[in-house]
C-alpha atoms as a PDB file:
ATOM      1  CA  MET A   1      -1.903   5.809 -14.815  1.00  0.00           C
ATOM      2  CA  LEU A   2      -5.636   6.342 -14.834  1.00  0.00           C
ATOM      3  CA  VAL A   3      -6.627   9.769 -13.508  1.00  0.00           C
ATOM      4  CA  LEU A   4     -10.212  10.296 -12.346  1.00  0.00           C
ATOM      5  CA  THR A   5     -12.048  13.293 -10.967  1.00  0.00           C
ATOM      6  CA  ARG A   6     -14.388  12.569  -8.058  1.00  0.00           C
ATOM      7  CA  LYS A   7     -16.415  14.712  -5.682  1.00  0.00           C
ATOM      8  CA  ASN A   8     -16.927  14.190  -1.954  1.00  0.00           C
ATOM      9  CA  GLY A   9     -19.022  11.068  -1.393  1.00  0.00           C
ATOM     10  CA  GLU A  10     -18.322   9.585  -4.819  1.00  0.00           C
ATOM     11  CA  THR A  11     -16.777   6.134  -5.172  1.00  0.00           C
ATOM     12  CA  ILE A  12     -14.342   4.322  -7.447  1.00  0.00           C
ATOM     13  CA  LYS A  13     -14.613   0.536  -7.915  1.00  0.00           C
ATOM     14  CA  ILE A  14     -11.563  -1.668  -8.452  1.00  0.00           C
ATOM     15  CA  GLY A  15     -12.593  -5.122  -9.574  1.00  0.00           C
ATOM     16  CA  ASP A  16     -15.538  -6.689  -7.765  1.00  0.00           C
ATOM     17  CA  ASP A  17     -14.210  -6.358  -4.225  1.00  0.00           C
ATOM     18  CA  ILE A  18     -12.598  -2.950  -3.700  1.00  0.00           C
ATOM     19  CA  GLU A  19     -14.274   0.446  -3.347  1.00  0.00           C
ATOM     20  CA  ILE A  20     -12.505   3.748  -2.758  1.00  0.00           C
ATOM     21  CA  THR A  21     -14.746   6.574  -1.552  1.00  0.00           C
ATOM     22  CA  ILE A  22     -13.764  10.245  -1.370  1.00  0.00           C
ATOM     23  CA  ILE A  23     -14.636  11.293   2.181  1.00  0.00           C
ATOM     24  CA  SER A  24     -13.443  14.886   1.912  1.00  0.00           C
ATOM     25  CA  ALA A  25     -11.127  17.052  -0.133  1.00  0.00           C
ATOM     26  CA  LYS A  26      -9.861  20.459   0.868  1.00  0.00           C
ATOM     27  CA  ASN A  27      -6.716  22.434   0.170  1.00  0.00           C
ATOM     28  CA  ASP A  28      -4.075  19.881  -0.815  1.00  0.00           C
ATOM     29  CA  GLN A  29      -5.421  16.913   1.195  1.00  0.00           C
ATOM     30  CA  VAL A  30      -7.880  14.209   0.256  1.00  0.00           C
ATOM     31  CA  LYS A  31      -9.395  11.853   2.812  1.00  0.00           C
ATOM     32  CA  ILE A  32     -10.397   8.502   1.334  1.00  0.00           C
ATOM     33  CA  GLY A  33     -12.175   5.437   2.653  1.00  0.00           C
ATOM     34  CA  ILE A  34     -11.284   1.992   1.335  1.00  0.00           C
ATOM     35  CA  ASN A  35     -13.573  -1.038   1.441  1.00  0.00           C
ATOM     36  CA  ALA A  36     -11.675  -4.221   0.608  1.00  0.00           C
ATOM     37  CA  PRO A  37     -11.674  -7.865   1.696  1.00  0.00           C
ATOM     38  CA  LYS A  38      -9.782  -8.501   4.930  1.00  0.00           C
ATOM     39  CA  ASN A  39      -7.172 -10.566   3.066  1.00  0.00           C
ATOM     40  CA  VAL A  40      -6.157  -7.513   0.984  1.00  0.00           C
ATOM     41  CA  GLU A  41      -3.322  -5.611   2.648  1.00  0.00           C
ATOM     42  CA  ILE A  42      -3.507  -1.834   2.280  1.00  0.00           C
ATOM     43  CA  PHE A  43      -0.472   0.364   2.950  1.00  0.00           C
ATOM     44  CA  ARG A  44       0.552   3.940   2.273  1.00  0.00           C
ATOM     45  CA  LYS A  45       3.215   3.743  -0.453  1.00  0.00           C
ATOM     46  CA  GLU A  46       6.023   5.110   1.739  1.00  0.00           C
ATOM     47  CA  ILE A  47       5.294   2.438   4.367  1.00  0.00           C
ATOM     48  CA  TYR A  48       5.130  -0.299   1.714  1.00  0.00           C
ATOM     49  CA  ASP A  49       8.499   0.813   0.296  1.00  0.00           C
ATOM     50  CA  GLN A  50       9.985   0.754   3.803  1.00  0.00           C
ATOM     51  CA  ILE A  51       8.695  -2.796   4.376  1.00  0.00           C
ATOM     52  CA  LEU A  52      10.232  -3.941   1.090  1.00  0.00           C
ATOM     53  CA  SER A  53      13.553  -2.331   1.978  1.00  0.00           C
ATOM     54  CA  GLU A  54      13.606  -3.908   5.444  1.00  0.00           C
ATOM     55  CA  ASN A  55      12.707  -7.325   4.017  1.00  0.00           C
ATOM     56  CA  GLU A  56      15.479  -7.022   1.438  1.00  0.00           C
ATOM     57  CA  GLN A  57      17.993  -6.081   4.149  1.00  0.00           C
ATOM     58  CA  ALA A  58      16.866  -8.963   6.379  1.00  0.00           C
ATOM     59  CA  SER A  59      17.277 -11.357   3.459  1.00  0.00           C
ATOM     60  CA  LYS A  60      20.839 -10.099   2.878  1.00  0.00           C
ATOM     61  CA  ASP A  61      21.620 -10.446   6.593  1.00  0.00           C
ATOM     62  CA  ILE A  62      20.386 -14.053   6.636  1.00  0.00           C
ATOM     63  CA  SER A  63      22.334 -14.887   3.464  1.00  0.00           C
ATOM     64  CA  GLY A  64      25.451 -13.416   5.031  1.00  0.00           C
ATOM     65  CA  MET A  65      24.958 -15.472   8.182  1.00  0.00           C
ATOM     66  CA  LEU A  66      24.422 -18.668   6.178  1.00  0.00           C
ATOM     67  CA  ASN A  67      27.598 -18.019   4.191  1.00  0.00           C
ATOM     68  CA  PHE A  68      29.497 -17.410   7.450  1.00  0.00           C
ATOM     69  CA  PHE A  69      28.402 -20.775   8.873  1.00  0.00           C
ATOM     70  CA  LYS A  70      29.231 -22.656   5.643  1.00  0.00           C
ATOM     71  CA  LYS A  71      32.927 -21.854   6.096  1.00  0.00           C
END
């Protein structure tokens, strides 16, 4: 993991297309702004993990249904 120190208003570049700007930082919260192409999906990690879990469960449900109908 790369760890960087940034001040309010400073930016981090990821590749050619993504910029992360520190909007504000106080106490234990940091507000960031993200500029990225519209085709790049951006999620909070806990939401992304939930999506993966729900997709995995849906896949299992469909597999179970297909196996049921094969009998």
